Amino acid sequence: MIEKQSINGKEVWLKVDAHPMQRDNPNIIPREYFTATYYTEDPNGGPIHGEVVTDETGEPKLFESPVAAMSFARSRMEGENGRQR
């Protein structure tokens, strides 16, 4: 899922990807995690490099819902754009 948003007056694209988890017991949840990537150019127009949201160790940050991934990515972008001023 890719969503175009305006953050601090700039257009950005936030992409959320699902990552299914293979579990020995299928009743263990969550059954999938989500990651977020943000772009400063439309990623639908070709091979554009985005910035993956990472955790404190530099690994892709995993979220339990697409809404949490999108919200965190937006908050991170708002903070980064605010620091550039």
C-alpha atoms as a PDB file:
ATOM      1  CA  MET A   1       0.000   0.000   0.000  1.00  0.00           C
ATOM      2  CA  ILE A   2       1.337   3.428  -0.970  1.00  0.00           C
ATOM      3  CA  GLU A   3      -0.215   6.645   0.280  1.00  0.00           C
ATOM      4  CA  LYS A   4       0.668  10.152  -0.855  1.00  0.00           C
ATOM      5  CA  GLN A   5       0.635  12.713   1.955  1.00  0.00           C
ATOM      6  CA  SER A   6       1.613  16.312   2.528  1.00  0.00           C
ATOM      7  CA  ILE A   7       3.946  16.722   5.493  1.00  0.00           C
ATOM      8  CA  ASN A   8       5.084  20.196   6.480  1.00  0.00           C
ATOM      9  CA  GLY A   9       4.130  21.459   3.011  1.00  0.00           C
ATOM     10  CA  LYS A  10       6.079  18.767   1.116  1.00  0.00           C
ATOM     11  CA  GLU A  11       4.662  15.841  -0.819  1.00  0.00           C
ATOM     12  CA  VAL A  12       5.871  12.432   0.396  1.00  0.00           C
ATOM     13  CA  TRP A  13       4.824   8.867  -0.296  1.00  0.00           C
ATOM     14  CA  LEU A  14       4.540   6.352   2.518  1.00  0.00           C
ATOM     15  CA  LYS A  15       4.629   2.674   1.615  1.00  0.00           C
ATOM     16  CA  VAL A  16       3.652  -0.164   3.952  1.00  0.00           C
ATOM     17  CA  ASP A  17       4.676  -3.752   3.180  1.00  0.00           C
ATOM     18  CA  ALA A  18       3.373  -6.909   4.859  1.00  0.00           C
ATOM     19  CA  HIS A  19       5.808  -9.614   5.983  1.00  0.00           C
ATOM     20  CA  PRO A  20       4.061 -12.918   6.808  1.00  0.00           C
ATOM     21  CA  MET A  21       5.642 -14.907   9.622  1.00  0.00           C
ATOM     22  CA  GLN A  22       6.133 -18.651   9.402  1.00  0.00           C
ATOM     23  CA  ARG A  23       5.252 -20.077  12.805  1.00  0.00           C
ATOM     24  CA  ASP A  24       5.441 -23.672  14.036  1.00  0.00           C
ATOM     25  CA  ASN A  25       2.088 -23.083  15.707  1.00  0.00           C
ATOM     26  CA  PRO A  26      -0.299 -21.165  13.381  1.00  0.00           C
ATOM     27  CA  ASN A  27      -2.280 -19.926  16.405  1.00  0.00           C
ATOM     28  CA  ILE A  28       0.585 -17.700  17.582  1.00  0.00           C
ATOM     29  CA  ILE A  29      -0.018 -14.085  16.705  1.00  0.00           C
ATOM     30  CA  PRO A  30       0.921 -11.825  15.086  1.00  0.00           C
ATOM     31  CA  ARG A  31       0.956 -13.835  11.883  1.00  0.00           C
ATOM     32  CA  GLU A  32       2.476 -10.946   9.967  1.00  0.00           C
ATOM     33  CA  TYR A  33       4.428  -7.781  10.596  1.00  0.00           C
ATOM     34  CA  PHE A  34       4.578  -4.586   8.592  1.00  0.00           C
ATOM     35  CA  THR A  35       7.426  -2.294   7.565  1.00  0.00           C
ATOM     36  CA  ALA A  36       7.282   1.290   6.334  1.00  0.00           C
ATOM     37  CA  THR A  37       9.288   3.110   3.678  1.00  0.00           C
ATOM     38  CA  TYR A  38       9.069   6.785   2.795  1.00  0.00           C
ATOM     39  CA  TYR A  39       9.844   8.491  -0.498  1.00  0.00           C
ATOM     40  CA  THR A  40      10.322  12.103  -1.569  1.00  0.00           C
ATOM     41  CA  GLU A  41       9.399  11.218  -5.182  1.00  0.00           C
ATOM     42  CA  ASP A  42       6.498   9.147  -6.508  1.00  0.00           C
ATOM     43  CA  PRO A  43       7.689   5.504  -6.320  1.00  0.00           C
ATOM     44  CA  ASN A  44       5.069   4.463  -8.877  1.00  0.00           C
ATOM     45  CA  GLY A  45       7.017   6.218 -11.637  1.00  0.00           C
ATOM     46  CA  GLY A  46       9.966   3.850 -11.701  1.00  0.00           C
ATOM     47  CA  PRO A  47      12.808   2.536  -9.602  1.00  0.00           C
ATOM     48  CA  ILE A  48      13.038   5.192  -6.876  1.00  0.00           C
ATOM     49  CA  HIS A  49      15.022   4.583  -3.694  1.00  0.00           C
ATOM     50  CA  GLY A  50      13.071   5.094  -0.485  1.00  0.00           C
ATOM     51  CA  GLU A  51      14.135   5.295   3.128  1.00  0.00           C
ATOM     52  CA  VAL A  52      13.112   2.287   5.218  1.00  0.00           C
ATOM     53  CA  VAL A  53      12.037   3.116   8.767  1.00  0.00           C
ATOM     54  CA  THR A  54      14.568   1.402  11.036  1.00  0.00           C
ATOM     55  CA  ASP A  55      14.810   0.613  14.738  1.00  0.00           C
ATOM     56  CA  GLU A  56      17.625   1.636  17.079  1.00  0.00           C
ATOM     57  CA  THR A  57      19.865  -1.176  15.749  1.00  0.00           C
ATOM     58  CA  GLY A  58      19.464  -0.118  12.113  1.00  0.00           C
ATOM     59  CA  GLU A  59      17.195  -3.041  11.199  1.00  0.00           C
ATOM     60  CA  PRO A  60      13.799  -2.459   9.551  1.00  0.00           C
ATOM     61  CA  LYS A  61      11.320  -1.591  12.301  1.00  0.00           C
ATOM     62  CA  LEU A  62       8.483  -4.122  12.524  1.00  0.00           C
ATOM     63  CA  PHE A  63       4.924  -3.046  13.291  1.00  0.00           C
ATOM     64  CA  GLU A  64       1.927  -5.164  14.234  1.00  0.00           C
ATOM     65  CA  SER A  65      -0.480  -3.220  12.014  1.00  0.00           C
ATOM     66  CA  PRO A  66      -0.319  -1.209   8.793  1.00  0.00           C
ATOM     67  CA  VAL A  67      -1.860   1.761  10.618  1.00  0.00           C
ATOM     68  CA  ALA A  68       0.929   1.716  13.211  1.00  0.00           C
ATOM     69  CA  ALA A  69       3.552   1.561  10.447  1.00  0.00           C
ATOM     70  CA  MET A  70       1.978   4.468   8.538  1.00  0.00           C
ATOM     71  CA  SER A  71       1.542   6.590  11.677  1.00  0.00           C
ATOM     72  CA  PHE A  72       5.126   6.036  12.834  1.00  0.00           C
ATOM     73  CA  ALA A  73       6.550   6.822   9.380  1.00  0.00           C
ATOM     74  CA  ARG A  74       4.511  10.026   9.224  1.00  0.00           C
ATOM     75  CA  SER A  75       5.676  11.067  12.706  1.00  0.00           C
ATOM     76  CA  ARG A  76       9.284  10.374  11.754  1.00  0.00           C
ATOM     77  CA  MET A  77       8.930  12.460   8.562  1.00  0.00           C
ATOM     78  CA  GLU A  78       7.313  15.319  10.476  1.00  0.00           C
ATOM     79  CA  GLY A  79      10.220  15.296  12.941  1.00  0.00           C
ATOM     80  CA  GLU A  80      12.905  15.154  10.246  1.00  0.00           C
ATOM     81  CA  ASN A  81      11.312  17.952   8.226  1.00  0.00           C
ATOM     82  CA  GLY A  82      10.974  20.074  11.364  1.00  0.00           C
ATOM     83  CA  ARG A  83      14.687  19.680  12.169  1.00  0.00           C
ATOM     84  CA  GLN A  84      15.731  20.784   8.678  1.00  0.00           C
ATOM     85  CA  ARG A  85      14.252  24.251   9.127  1.00  0.00           C
END
